[in-house]
Structure formats: structure tokens, C-alpha cells
Protein backbone atom coordinates (compact mmCIF):
# COMPACT_ATOMS: atom_id res chain seq x y z
CA MET A 1 32.08 30.10 -36.44
CA ALA A 2 31.14 27.33 -34.26
CA PHE A 3 30.22 28.13 -30.55
CA LYS A 4 32.79 26.45 -28.40
CA ILE A 5 32.30 24.58 -25.36
CA ALA A 6 35.35 23.10 -23.24
CA LEU A 7 34.27 20.62 -20.39
CA ILE A 8 36.27 19.51 -17.66
CA ARG A 9 36.02 17.58 -14.53
CA ALA A 10 37.40 18.89 -11.37
CA ALA A 11 40.19 16.11 -10.03
CA ASN A 12 42.94 15.50 -8.23
CA PRO A 13 45.52 13.34 -10.86
CA SER A 14 47.40 11.62 -7.59
CA ILE A 15 44.50 9.98 -6.48
CA PRO A 16 43.70 6.83 -8.51
CA TYR A 17 40.03 6.64 -8.05
CA GLN A 18 39.50 10.24 -9.37
CA VAL A 19 41.34 9.14 -12.73
CA SER A 20 39.62 5.61 -13.18
CA MET A 21 37.02 6.22 -15.57
CA PRO A 22 35.67 8.86 -17.49
CA PRO A 23 32.71 11.21 -15.78
CA LEU A 24 29.69 9.64 -17.66
CA GLY A 25 27.68 12.94 -16.45
CA LEU A 26 29.33 15.05 -19.14
CA GLY A 27 29.14 12.26 -21.32
CA TYR A 28 25.75 12.70 -21.50
CA ILE A 29 25.45 16.71 -21.72
CA ALA A 30 27.63 16.53 -24.62
CA SER A 31 25.69 13.79 -25.91
CA VAL A 32 22.38 15.95 -25.60
CA LEU A 33 23.98 18.95 -26.96
CA ARG A 34 25.76 17.37 -29.74
CA ARG A 35 21.83 16.20 -31.14
CA ASP A 36 20.16 19.21 -30.49
CA LEU A 37 22.45 21.62 -31.26
CA ARG A 38 24.09 22.92 -34.46
CA GLY A 39 26.93 25.11 -34.79
CA ILE A 40 28.72 24.08 -31.36
CA GLU A 41 32.23 22.69 -30.87
CA LEU A 42 32.60 20.41 -27.85
CA THR A 43 36.01 19.35 -26.14
CA PHE A 44 36.95 17.53 -23.14
CA HIS A 45 40.06 18.28 -21.08
CA ARG A 46 41.90 16.81 -18.33
CA ASP A 47 44.06 19.38 -17.59
CA VAL A 48 43.07 23.17 -17.37
CA ALA A 49 46.02 24.55 -19.19
CA GLU A 50 44.69 22.90 -22.59
CA ILE A 51 41.54 24.79 -22.39
CA ARG A 52 43.36 28.11 -22.37
CA SER A 53 44.55 26.92 -26.25
CA VAL A 54 40.98 26.50 -27.29
CA GLU A 55 39.94 30.01 -26.73
CA PRO A 56 36.09 28.53 -25.76
CA ASP A 57 33.29 30.41 -25.56
CA LEU A 58 31.92 28.72 -22.52
CA VAL A 59 33.39 26.39 -20.05
CA MET A 60 31.52 23.92 -17.97
CA ILE A 61 32.95 22.28 -15.05
CA SER A 62 31.89 18.86 -13.19
CA SER A 63 33.24 19.06 -9.37
CA ALA A 64 32.61 16.63 -6.37
CA SER A 65 32.67 18.50 -3.41
CA GLU A 66 36.28 17.22 -2.57
CA ASN A 67 37.07 18.50 -5.57
CA TRP A 68 35.45 21.89 -5.17
CA PRO A 69 38.85 24.06 -4.43
CA GLU A 70 40.29 22.24 -7.68
CA SER A 71 36.98 23.88 -9.40
CA VAL A 72 37.73 27.09 -7.93
CA GLU A 73 41.33 26.94 -9.34
CA TYR A 74 40.45 26.28 -12.48
CA ALA A 75 38.02 29.11 -12.49
CA GLN A 76 40.85 31.56 -11.71
CA ALA A 77 43.31 29.94 -13.95
CA ILE A 78 40.76 30.16 -17.02
CA LYS A 79 39.53 33.74 -16.28
CA ALA A 80 43.47 35.16 -15.78
CA HIS A 81 43.86 34.08 -19.56
CA ARG A 82 40.25 34.71 -21.02
CA ASP A 83 37.24 36.25 -19.52
CA VAL A 84 34.81 33.81 -20.71
CA PRO A 85 31.35 32.33 -18.93
CA ILE A 86 32.06 29.61 -16.72
CA VAL A 87 29.14 27.60 -15.65
CA ALA A 88 30.02 24.71 -12.46
CA GLY A 89 27.78 21.41 -12.21
CA GLY A 90 27.67 18.44 -9.88
CA MET A 91 26.61 17.63 -6.79
CA HIS A 92 28.20 20.12 -4.62
CA ILE A 93 26.81 23.24 -5.99
CA THR A 94 23.44 21.70 -6.51
CA ALA A 95 23.62 21.35 -2.75
CA LEU A 96 25.37 24.71 -2.00
CA PRO A 97 24.22 27.40 -4.69
CA GLU A 98 24.80 30.04 -1.96
CA THR A 99 28.08 29.41 -2.07
CA MET A 100 29.16 29.76 -5.56
CA PRO A 101 32.68 32.15 -5.44
CA ASP A 102 33.20 35.35 -8.05
CA GLU A 103 35.28 33.13 -10.29
CA ILE A 104 32.38 31.05 -11.41
CA ASP A 105 29.13 32.85 -13.41
CA LEU A 106 26.79 30.19 -13.05
CA GLY A 107 26.00 26.76 -11.60
CA CYS A 108 23.87 24.01 -12.67
CA ILE A 109 21.39 22.63 -9.96
CA GLY A 110 20.14 19.15 -10.29
CA GLU A 111 20.15 17.26 -13.42
CA GLY A 112 22.18 18.90 -16.15
CA GLU A 113 21.34 17.70 -19.73
CA ASP A 114 18.20 20.06 -20.15
CA THR A 115 19.54 23.15 -18.52
CA ALA A 116 22.80 23.00 -20.32
CA LEU A 117 21.28 22.95 -23.54
CA GLU A 118 18.97 25.66 -22.84
CA LEU A 119 21.98 27.86 -21.16
CA VAL A 120 24.19 27.07 -23.94
CA GLU A 121 21.57 28.78 -26.86
CA THR A 122 20.78 31.53 -24.42
CA VAL A 123 24.51 32.45 -23.72
CA ARG A 124 24.91 32.13 -27.52
CA ARG A 125 22.28 34.33 -28.01
CA HIS A 126 22.14 36.81 -25.14
CA GLY A 127 25.59 36.11 -23.15
CA LEU A 128 24.68 36.54 -19.41
CA SER A 129 22.06 38.55 -19.75
CA VAL A 130 20.21 38.15 -16.17
CA PRO A 131 16.73 38.55 -17.56
CA HIS A 132 17.32 35.81 -20.41
CA LEU A 133 19.26 33.38 -17.55
CA ARG A 134 16.22 34.33 -15.35
CA GLU A 135 13.98 32.35 -17.71
CA ILE A 136 16.41 28.92 -17.70
CA ARG A 137 14.86 26.82 -14.68
CA GLY A 138 18.03 24.70 -12.28
CA LEU A 139 20.43 27.47 -12.27
CA CYS A 140 21.67 30.11 -10.29
CA PHE A 141 23.81 33.36 -11.05
CA ARG A 142 24.83 36.34 -10.00
CA ASN A 143 22.62 39.25 -10.72
CA SER A 144 23.73 42.81 -11.22
CA ASP A 145 24.05 43.75 -7.70
CA GLY A 146 26.31 40.76 -7.15
CA SER A 147 24.38 38.81 -5.06
CA ILE A 148 23.48 34.79 -6.05
CA GLU A 149 20.10 34.46 -7.52
CA ARG A 150 18.43 31.03 -8.23
CA THR A 151 15.66 30.08 -10.39
CA PRO A 152 13.13 27.55 -9.86
CA SER A 153 13.79 23.70 -10.22
CA ARG A 154 13.94 22.01 -13.06
CA PRO A 155 11.82 18.89 -13.35
CA TYR A 156 13.46 15.78 -13.41
CA ILE A 157 14.20 14.22 -16.67
CA ASP A 158 11.34 11.44 -17.56
CA PRO A 159 11.54 9.12 -19.15
CA LEU A 160 15.12 8.65 -18.54
CA ASP A 161 15.01 6.96 -22.11
CA ARG A 162 14.71 10.04 -24.25
CA LEU A 163 18.38 10.29 -23.23
CA PRO A 164 21.20 9.34 -25.99
CA PHE A 165 23.87 7.22 -24.75
CA PRO A 166 27.28 9.07 -22.81
CA ASP A 167 29.52 10.09 -25.22
CA ARG A 168 32.50 8.21 -24.17
CA ASP A 169 34.59 9.03 -27.49
CA LEU A 170 34.94 12.60 -26.54
CA LEU A 171 35.74 11.90 -22.82
CA GLY A 172 38.67 9.86 -24.13
CA ASP A 173 40.91 6.42 -23.22
CA GLN A 174 43.37 8.12 -21.08
CA TRP A 175 41.94 6.87 -18.06
CA ALA A 176 43.53 4.12 -15.36
CA THR A 177 41.06 1.38 -16.35
CA PRO A 178 41.83 0.56 -19.98
CA ARG A 179 38.24 0.24 -21.93
CA ASP A 180 39.52 -3.09 -23.38
CA PHE A 181 38.99 -4.16 -19.83
CA GLU A 182 36.60 -2.46 -18.02
CA VAL A 183 33.68 0.11 -19.05
CA HIS A 184 31.07 1.38 -16.67
CA LEU A 185 27.48 2.65 -17.09
CA MET A 186 24.52 4.22 -15.06
CA SER A 187 21.38 2.10 -15.69
CA SER A 188 19.35 4.39 -13.03
CA ARG A 189 19.39 7.74 -11.19
CA GLY A 190 19.02 7.74 -7.45
CA CYS A 191 18.41 5.17 -4.84
CA PRO A 192 15.15 3.59 -3.11
CA TYR A 193 17.20 3.87 0.25
CA THR A 194 18.23 7.13 2.26
CA CYS A 195 21.16 6.66 4.04
CA HIS A 196 22.92 9.33 6.39
CA PHE A 197 26.03 9.95 4.72
CA CYS A 198 24.77 9.54 1.33
CA THR A 199 23.87 12.14 -1.43
CA ALA A 200 22.08 9.92 -3.39
CA THR A 201 19.21 10.89 -0.96
CA SER A 202 18.94 14.73 -2.58
CA TRP A 203 17.27 12.90 -5.39
CA ALA A 204 13.37 12.97 -4.87
CA LYS A 205 13.12 9.73 -6.14
CA VAL A 206 14.99 6.61 -8.03
CA ARG A 207 14.59 6.31 -11.59
CA TYR A 208 15.42 3.80 -14.15
CA PHE A 209 16.23 3.20 -17.71
CA SER A 210 13.99 0.46 -19.03
CA PRO A 211 15.43 -2.86 -19.26
CA GLU A 212 15.57 -2.63 -23.20
CA TYR A 213 17.46 0.44 -23.03
CA THR A 214 19.99 -0.55 -20.74
CA VAL A 215 21.02 -3.81 -22.01
CA SER A 216 20.89 -1.43 -25.78
CA GLU A 217 23.93 0.12 -24.08
CA VAL A 218 25.59 -2.98 -23.11
CA GLU A 219 25.45 -4.12 -26.69
CA TRP A 220 26.95 -0.66 -27.76
CA LEU A 221 29.62 -0.93 -25.39
CA LEU A 222 30.37 -4.71 -26.44
CA GLU A 223 30.39 -3.62 -30.32
CA ARG A 224 32.53 -0.42 -29.78
CA TYR A 225 35.43 -1.08 -27.03
CA GLN A 226 34.67 -5.19 -26.76
CA PRO A 227 35.18 -5.05 -22.91
CA GLU A 228 36.06 -8.09 -20.30
CA TRP A 229 34.00 -6.58 -18.17
CA ILE A 230 30.96 -3.89 -17.80
CA TYR A 231 30.22 -2.19 -14.74
CA PHE A 232 27.17 -1.05 -13.66
CA PHE A 233 27.71 2.11 -11.34
CA ASP A 234 24.66 2.53 -9.99
CA ASP A 235 24.01 3.51 -6.63
CA LEU A 236 21.95 0.04 -6.24
CA PHE A 237 21.57 -1.80 -9.44
CA VAL A 238 19.71 -4.75 -8.21
CA GLY A 239 17.53 -2.58 -6.00
CA HIS A 240 14.35 -3.26 -8.37
CA ARG A 241 13.97 -6.96 -8.00
CA LYS A 242 11.68 -7.27 -10.61
CA ARG A 243 13.60 -4.72 -13.47
CA PHE A 244 16.85 -6.72 -12.74
CA ARG A 245 14.74 -10.13 -14.05
CA GLU A 246 13.58 -8.66 -17.00
CA ILE A 247 17.25 -7.31 -17.83
CA CYS A 248 18.79 -10.76 -16.94
CA GLU A 249 16.17 -12.33 -19.22
CA ILE A 250 17.06 -10.11 -22.06
CA LEU A 251 20.69 -10.74 -21.48
CA ARG A 252 20.30 -14.74 -21.63
CA THR A 253 18.15 -14.41 -24.33
CA ARG A 254 20.46 -12.32 -26.76
CA GLY A 255 23.61 -14.90 -25.58
CA ILE A 256 25.24 -11.41 -24.25
CA HIS A 257 25.75 -13.15 -20.50
CA ARG A 258 28.47 -15.43 -22.55
CA ARG A 259 30.10 -12.39 -24.06
CA VAL A 260 30.71 -10.55 -21.11
CA LYS A 261 31.04 -10.24 -17.27
CA PHE A 262 29.34 -7.96 -15.05
CA ARG A 263 30.14 -6.00 -11.96
CA THR A 264 27.46 -4.40 -9.70
CA TYR A 265 26.31 -3.24 -6.38
CA ALA A 266 23.54 -4.94 -3.79
CA ARG A 267 22.74 -4.39 -0.52
CA VAL A 268 22.70 -6.92 2.08
CA ASN A 269 19.34 -7.24 3.24
CA LEU A 270 18.51 -7.79 -0.61
CA VAL A 271 20.82 -10.83 -0.65
CA ASP A 272 19.24 -14.14 -1.16
CA GLU A 273 19.02 -17.20 -2.87
CA GLU A 274 17.41 -16.08 -5.94
CA LEU A 275 19.36 -12.63 -6.18
CA CYS A 276 22.96 -14.88 -6.10
CA THR A 277 21.42 -17.23 -8.60
CA LEU A 278 20.38 -14.88 -11.31
CA MET A 279 23.66 -12.91 -10.69
CA ARG A 280 25.79 -16.37 -11.11
CA ASP A 281 23.77 -17.42 -13.93
CA HIS A 282 23.65 -14.16 -15.88
CA GLY A 283 27.36 -13.03 -15.52
CA PHE A 284 27.16 -10.59 -12.71
CA LEU A 285 30.39 -12.48 -11.22
CA ASN A 286 31.69 -8.97 -8.93
CA VAL A 287 28.94 -7.96 -6.19
CA ASP A 288 30.24 -4.82 -4.10
CA LEU A 289 28.07 -4.59 -0.86
CA GLY A 290 28.05 -1.26 1.61
CA ILE A 291 28.44 -2.77 4.57
CA GLU A 292 29.30 0.02 6.29
CA THR A 293 29.70 -1.12 9.98
CA ASN A 294 28.57 -4.53 12.01
CA SER A 295 27.03 -2.49 14.92
CA GLU A 296 23.50 -2.37 15.38
CA LYS A 297 23.51 1.30 16.92
CA VAL A 298 25.90 2.31 14.14
CA MET A 299 23.83 1.06 11.39
CA ALA A 300 20.86 3.11 12.74
CA TYR A 301 22.74 6.27 12.87
CA TYR A 302 23.23 5.51 9.19
CA LYS A 303 19.69 4.67 8.47
CA LYS A 304 20.63 1.27 7.08
CA HIS A 305 17.16 0.00 7.03
CA GLY A 306 16.85 -3.51 7.08
CA CYS A 307 20.53 -4.40 7.60
CA SER A 308 21.61 -6.23 10.83
CA PRO A 309 24.82 -7.45 11.41
CA GLU A 310 22.87 -11.06 10.95
CA LYS A 311 22.13 -10.06 7.55
CA ASN A 312 25.89 -9.01 7.11
CA GLN A 313 27.08 -12.41 7.80
CA ARG A 314 24.18 -14.07 5.49
CA ALA A 315 25.43 -12.15 2.58
CA LEU A 316 28.62 -12.80 2.84
CA ASP A 317 27.79 -16.56 3.06
CA LEU A 318 25.33 -16.59 0.23
CA LEU A 319 27.54 -14.73 -2.15
CA ALA A 320 30.82 -16.90 -1.40
CA GLU A 321 28.66 -20.21 -1.43
CA HIS A 322 27.59 -18.89 -5.23
CA GLY A 323 31.46 -18.34 -5.94
CA LEU A 324 30.59 -14.76 -6.46
CA SER A 325 33.65 -12.28 -6.17
CA VAL A 326 33.00 -9.76 -3.21
CA GLY A 327 33.55 -6.49 -2.48
CA THR A 328 32.83 -4.25 0.47
CA ASN A 329 32.55 -0.75 1.93
CA PHE A 330 33.04 0.02 5.68
CA ILE A 331 32.93 3.73 7.03
CA PHE A 332 34.25 4.51 10.65
CA GLY A 333 34.01 7.32 13.26
CA ALA A 334 30.03 7.99 13.38
CA PRO A 335 29.25 10.11 16.26
CA VAL A 336 27.73 7.47 18.42
CA GLU A 337 30.37 4.85 17.76
CA THR A 338 32.41 3.98 20.34
CA LEU A 339 36.25 2.30 20.79
CA GLU A 340 34.16 -0.79 20.77
CA ASP A 341 31.84 -0.96 17.85
CA LEU A 342 35.06 0.01 15.77
CA GLU A 343 36.74 -2.80 17.03
CA ALA A 344 33.87 -5.40 16.55
CA THR A 345 33.65 -4.09 12.87
CA LEU A 346 37.08 -4.52 12.24
CA ASP A 347 36.79 -7.90 13.75
CA PHE A 348 34.40 -8.60 11.45
CA ILE A 349 36.39 -7.87 8.66
CA ARG A 350 39.18 -10.04 9.64
CA ARG A 351 36.94 -13.35 10.26
CA ASN A 352 35.46 -12.64 6.84
CA MET A 353 38.79 -11.61 4.60
CA ASP A 354 38.36 -15.54 3.16
CA LYS A 355 35.10 -14.17 1.54
CA MET A 356 36.17 -10.47 0.44
CA GLU A 357 38.59 -10.12 -2.48
CA ARG A 358 38.17 -6.11 -2.48
CA ILE A 359 37.49 -3.58 0.26
CA SER A 360 37.31 -0.01 0.86
CA VAL A 361 37.39 1.60 4.00
CA GLY A 362 37.18 5.45 5.13
CA ALA A 363 36.43 7.77 7.52
CA LEU A 364 33.06 9.34 8.01
CA GLN A 365 32.31 12.32 5.60
CA ALA A 366 29.97 15.09 5.47
CA PRO A 367 29.75 15.69 1.87
CA PRO A 368 26.90 18.31 1.11
CA GLY A 369 23.36 16.96 0.26
CA SER A 370 23.73 14.04 3.01
CA GLY A 371 22.23 14.28 6.12
CA VAL A 372 25.33 13.73 7.98
CA HIS A 373 26.01 17.52 6.27
CA ALA A 374 23.00 18.75 7.42
CA ASP A 375 23.42 17.81 11.06
CA LEU A 376 27.19 19.31 10.97
CA THR A 377 26.18 22.32 9.52
CA ALA A 378 22.93 23.06 11.42
CA ALA A 379 25.62 22.28 14.70
CA GLY A 380 27.94 25.00 13.71
CA MET A 381 30.61 22.32 12.92
CA ILE A 382 31.04 23.46 9.16
CA ASP A 383 30.92 26.83 7.61
CA ASN A 384 30.49 26.00 3.99
CA HIS A 385 31.69 29.33 2.76
CA GLU A 386 35.26 28.58 4.51
CA PHE A 387 35.65 25.33 4.92
CA ASP A 388 38.37 23.25 3.07
CA TRP A 389 36.60 20.38 1.15
CA HIS A 390 39.66 18.65 0.64
CA ARG A 391 39.21 17.30 4.15
CA GLN A 392 36.60 14.99 2.50
CA ILE A 393 39.46 13.06 1.37
CA ASN A 394 40.75 9.82 3.11
CA ARG A 395 44.49 9.03 1.86
CA PRO A 396 45.79 6.11 3.53
CA GLY A 397 49.69 6.47 4.71
CA GLU A 398 48.58 10.71 5.08
CA PHE A 399 45.58 10.30 7.46
CA HIS A 400 45.50 12.59 10.62
CA VAL A 401 43.00 14.07 12.66
CA GLY A 402 43.27 18.14 12.45
CA ASP A 403 42.57 21.66 11.13
CA ASP A 404 44.39 20.81 7.99
CA GLY A 405 43.32 17.34 8.10
CA TYR A 406 40.11 15.12 8.92
CA LEU A 407 36.99 16.47 10.66
CA MET A 408 36.69 14.35 13.36
CA LEU A 409 32.87 13.72 14.06
CA ASN A 410 33.25 11.30 17.11
CA GLU A 411 33.82 12.54 20.37
CA ASN A 412 33.91 9.13 21.75
CA VAL A 413 37.61 8.10 21.04
CA THR A 414 40.62 10.69 20.90
CA PRO A 415 42.12 11.68 17.78
CA GLU A 416 45.33 10.05 18.88
CA GLN A 417 43.04 6.44 18.96
CA PHE A 418 40.86 7.07 16.04
CA GLU A 419 44.56 7.87 13.97
CA ARG A 420 45.96 4.65 15.18
CA PHE A 421 42.62 2.84 14.49
CA MET A 422 42.90 3.96 10.98
CA GLU A 423 46.41 2.73 10.21
CA ARG A 424 45.08 -0.66 11.15
CA ALA A 425 42.09 -0.52 9.16
CA PHE A 426 44.09 0.92 5.57
CA ALA A 427 46.20 -1.90 6.74
CA LEU A 428 43.99 -4.65 6.53
CA GLN A 429 42.44 -2.79 3.36
CA ARG A 430 45.93 -3.51 1.51
CA GLU A 431 46.34 -6.79 2.71
CA ILE A 432 42.58 -7.92 1.24
CA ASN A 433 42.95 -6.18 -1.75
CA LEU A 434 46.21 -7.67 -2.93
CA ARG A 435 45.05 -11.05 -2.19
CA GLY A 436 41.77 -10.05 -3.95
CA GLU A 437 44.05 -9.04 -6.93
CA LEU A 438 46.32 -12.41 -6.85
CA ALA A 439 42.85 -14.29 -6.87
CA GLN A 440 41.62 -12.28 -9.84
CA ARG A 441 45.19 -12.68 -11.83
CA ASP A 442 44.91 -16.37 -11.06
CA ARG A 443 41.56 -16.42 -12.54
CA ARG A 444 42.13 -14.43 -15.90
CA MET A 445 45.23 -16.82 -16.49
CA HIS A 446 42.92 -20.06 -16.05
CA GLU A 447 40.80 -18.49 -18.23
CA VAL A 448 43.19 -17.67 -20.73
CA TYR A 449 44.54 -21.71 -20.43
CA GLN A 450 40.67 -22.30 -21.41
CA ARG A 451 40.75 -20.72 -24.26
CA LEU A 452 44.38 -21.58 -25.35
CA HIS A 453 43.17 -25.33 -24.94
CA ALA A 454 40.09 -24.77 -26.76
CA ALA A 455 41.66 -23.14 -29.63
CA GLU A 456 43.95 -26.35 -29.81
CA SER A 457 41.25 -28.55 -29.83
CA GLU A 458 39.46 -26.66 -32.46
CA LEU A 459 42.69 -26.75 -34.84
CA ASP A 460 43.30 -30.72 -33.98
CA SER A 461 39.59 -31.23 -35.16
CA LEU A 462 40.39 -29.58 -38.41
CA ARG A 463 43.85 -31.37 -39.14
CA GLY A 464 43.39 -34.28 -41.77
CA SER A 465 40.01 -32.21 -43.11
CA SER A 466 40.17 -32.22 -47.14
CA ALA A 467 39.62 -27.85 -46.56
CA VAL A 468 42.61 -27.75 -44.23
CA ARG A 469 44.66 -30.12 -46.72
CA LEU A 470 43.66 -27.82 -49.97
CA ALA A 471 44.88 -24.91 -48.11
CA MET A 472 47.73 -26.22 -46.71
CA GLY A 473 48.44 -27.13 -50.74
CA LEU A 474 47.88 -23.34 -51.76
CA ARG A 475 50.23 -22.34 -48.95
CA ARG A 476 53.27 -24.52 -50.27
CA LEU A 477 52.48 -23.63 -53.82
CA ARG A 478 52.63 -20.06 -53.07
CA GLY A 479 55.45 -20.41 -50.92
CA ARG A 480 57.34 -21.77 -53.95
CA GLY A 481 56.39 -18.99 -56.62
CA GLY A 482 53.50 -20.94 -57.93
CA GLN A 483 49.90 -19.55 -59.10
CA THR A 484 46.69 -20.81 -59.26
CA LYS A 485 43.83 -20.37 -61.98
CA THR A 486 40.46 -18.97 -61.15
CA ARG A 487 38.12 -20.74 -63.69
């Protein structure tokens, strides 16, 4: 009888970005399990109620910090129906294994592929036997006296190329972003920079899939889904310039850059003429920048090394000159930020609205694994066992500061001032994104007209040819009920 494993990602379906694309982390785990184990049955679910009908032998829940409350709710609902082992994975449990609640039996710390493989084999043979669980690296679990025990860390996967492509088919196609429009991939893990607000700093180093592996996945996605866009979802895809050149060379040699368009992330201090030319000439037409702020003081707090207001402007100008569509991210509310700093960044956004087609603004968060979280924990501002992680979510139109709302990290402005400021920032975000959507729609319509014109021109060139006359003659014969003979 097959050993049934149910996978689910904790998410709030009312928040668009949480249901826009499938979770590739679970996709990688599923691919490794399918490749290396026999006698297992994998299912992926977006609704915890579905899991009850599957009657699984093991449940794996992936969760970011902002959805940790959903993870606990999922586990409670599953346990109420069936006493099945539940394992949590993702950045939250990796950063805070000591906060694992009673409803969750196991935590996967760090990369999950190899840990999941060993864990499934162990649970299948020995259940939740503590002596056997202790043999698995990268795990936390509740031992016989009820305390949480953690095993030694697992080495990073090296090389990454030994992983199969994530199992996207298992993850399904019921996501907000249609596959025939855009699919995403991760060609690296980690980031070469150490921004204070980011959890990517929890990786000891950045690792890359090889250029050949990366382009092979691009080709697989094109063959499988025929998307208009492929989104390189790396923390910083272009951070390794030599590797990016090599990928571009393979894309050009195989003509892939003419078959699909790409979206990716860059950093203002890396944007120069060469990068813009490489991106433009190889189909990387949508570029997103984590600008965060236009204040040098706030940049220093965020540890945005190598960045400056001058480089912010230069990056936007260069990308616009090369005809690339630019997206930007901004963060407000750093502890060192004054009202004047906030207004200066908002003014910078307004001055450059014509160069931005996408923008995301939000209040500074403290996700576990980031430097900001470490600061607040040390200062006693966050109790990791009691904190409501839903406060990590910024919702335009519902943003407020308070015990059940945003945890304000800044004492230089009042809560009322900050709420009013964020309302204005969200309004500007709506305006820029709407204008960007209209511009993208106009470009798509232009592309459709160009394709139609090319098709009409091709038909015109064929009219009068002997092959077309013969085909039309055969069609007329068939229309009259005539028959042709094959000799």
C-alpha cells in the first residue's frame, strides 16, 4: 500500500500575491521524493479540508512568517480529524524552531529536499521514534519529555544541479497568474548582499544552478507551457555578471530570446550600460529594483552597501533609456527615518513616475531570519512565542498602527503621521501600477497587431502560388462531393 504524503502551503487566499504563483520549494521536494523513493503517493492541496479526505500518512506544511498562524490552524484541523505526523518547513520554523507548537510534530530546518527524503523513509519505517529522528540532520522535534530537540545542521546542497526541476504539474494550474502568460523559476539560492531587512541573509552563501541547467529549465518550461514570460525569481539573478553573460550567450545561440520574454531582479549599484544592453538584447524586458529608500541615512541602516540616491536615479535613467520596463520596491518606517526622510523618498517616486510601471510600497517588517528581527528580539519588542505574525502583512486600505495592527518600529514620527503617510504612499502605488498595466496592455495589443500583420503578409505572398491553387482546387472538389485518387 502506498505511503501517502500531503503537501500544503500556508496562505491567505484573500491576499493576491500569496496565491499568484505555485510554491517551487514544495515542488522541488516533491520531485526529489518521486525520483528517489518507491511506494509513495504525493498530493498537493490549497485547502486544508481536502487533506482530510486523502487520509495521508504524513503532512508537510510550508510557511512564511506572515502565514505562521495559518500553519498552526491547518495542523489543528488535521489533528482533529486524524493523528498523523505533521512537519513544518520554510523560513519561519528555520529561524524559530523553539516556537514549534504542540500541533506540529517536526520542523525542517534549512533546505528541505534531503531532509524530507530521509524523514519520509524514517517515518514510514519507524514512525516518530526519537532515536531514529536524531539521526536526521536539519530537523527539530518534540522528544519524550515534551521539549523541542534540534539535530545538527544539514550541509547545503552542492552542486544544486543534482536537483530535478520542481514538480510544477503536482502544484496545479489554479493560480492567479496563468501559466500561458508567465511561469517562474529559481536559478540560485541566497544573495551576495546582506540587507538588514531581508531573510536571504540566513543563507551562509549564495549558490547557483549552472548556466546550462538554468537554460535547460527555460527550454523545458517553453516546451511544457508556452508562456509569454518567464520570471527569474532569484533574490538577485544578475548579481553574478559572468554567469549572466554565459546564460545570455546560451539563450542567443539557441534562439530562445526570440521565443519568450523575461522578468528579473537587479540592484541599482549593478545597473550600467553593459547590463542594460545584455538585458535588452536577450529579452529581459521587465526589471525590478529593490530601491527601498532615497535617504543615505536609511540606506546605511538597511545595509544597502554600494547604493546611493545618485545610483538610484542613474539606474532608473539607464533602464528607461534602454526601453526596459521598470518595477520598484520601497520600504518605509526604519527606526532612524524622520518625516523628512519619508517625504524625500516619496518625492523621488513622484519625480520618476514616468520611469516606473510597477511599484510595491510597504512598512518595514521584522521577519525572523532578518537583522531587523534580531534587533527587535534583543530589545524585547517581539516575543517570538506570542507575536501575531499577521502583523507582518501590509494591506492598502486596512493599514493601521496598534496592538492588532502594524508593529511600528519608528519613534521619530507619531502613529497618526505614519498612517497618513502610508495612505498617501499606497495611493501613489495604485496610480503607478494602473498606469503600468495600461502601458503593458498597449504593448501587448501592438504585438498582436504586428503578428496579425505578419500573418497577412505571409498569406499574401502565398496567393497565386501553384501549391495554393492546387490546395484550393482540392478543397472545391471535396466541397462538391468529389473524390481524388491516389496513385
